[in-house]
Amino acid sequence: TTYPLSMGCWFRSNDSGVNQILMSTFELLGDDSDFFNLSARGAVAGDPVRFNSSVLGTVSSANTSTQFLVNTWHHALGVGASATDRKVYIDGGSSGVNTTSSTPTLISQTAIGGQPDTVPTIYMSGDIAEAAMWNVALTVADALELARGYSPLLVRPEGLVAYWPMLGNNVGA
């Protein structure tokens, strides 16, 4: 819940017109939050995947240089090596970087498919699978392995702290 950390998952959005939280780790502080999150930013020009770090509502973001496409599975990975070194990848490439100093504190909660807040509003519109978090900064090579379909259990397993497979489809069941 502090640096270094990495979070990643597979996602398939069905709406490119809204912002969607894929996964987050956070601490609610009144109306603002300290958090790290990985999001699909459909309401932002270029529809990037974004890795965010926020301290009391001041958000620092790394954005991919390639957009996500609706109804297509993508792998997203956010990597926080330090307070001034954050990266984000889509499908193992198209990385974006952010070097603004940002160190969220008191992180104690995790959410998949949204980020609870005092008034929760930003949810995932679509599907998520293979969500995982590590307490190490994953590398470009690690991002490529995950995007090629390697299980998070096989990528830097010594640093893997949480894994939510969420496999299967229960729609209509």
Foldseek 3Di string as FASTA:
>chain_A
DWPWKKKKWKWAAQDLQAKWWAKKWWDADAQFIFIWTWIQHSNDPQRWIWTWGDDRRDIWIWTFQHHDDHRDIKMKMWTDNHQQWIWIDILLDSITTGGHRGIGPPTDDMDGQFDDYPDTDHGGHGDIFWIWMFNHGADSVLSNCVSVPDHPCPRPVVGTDDIDGPDDDPVPD
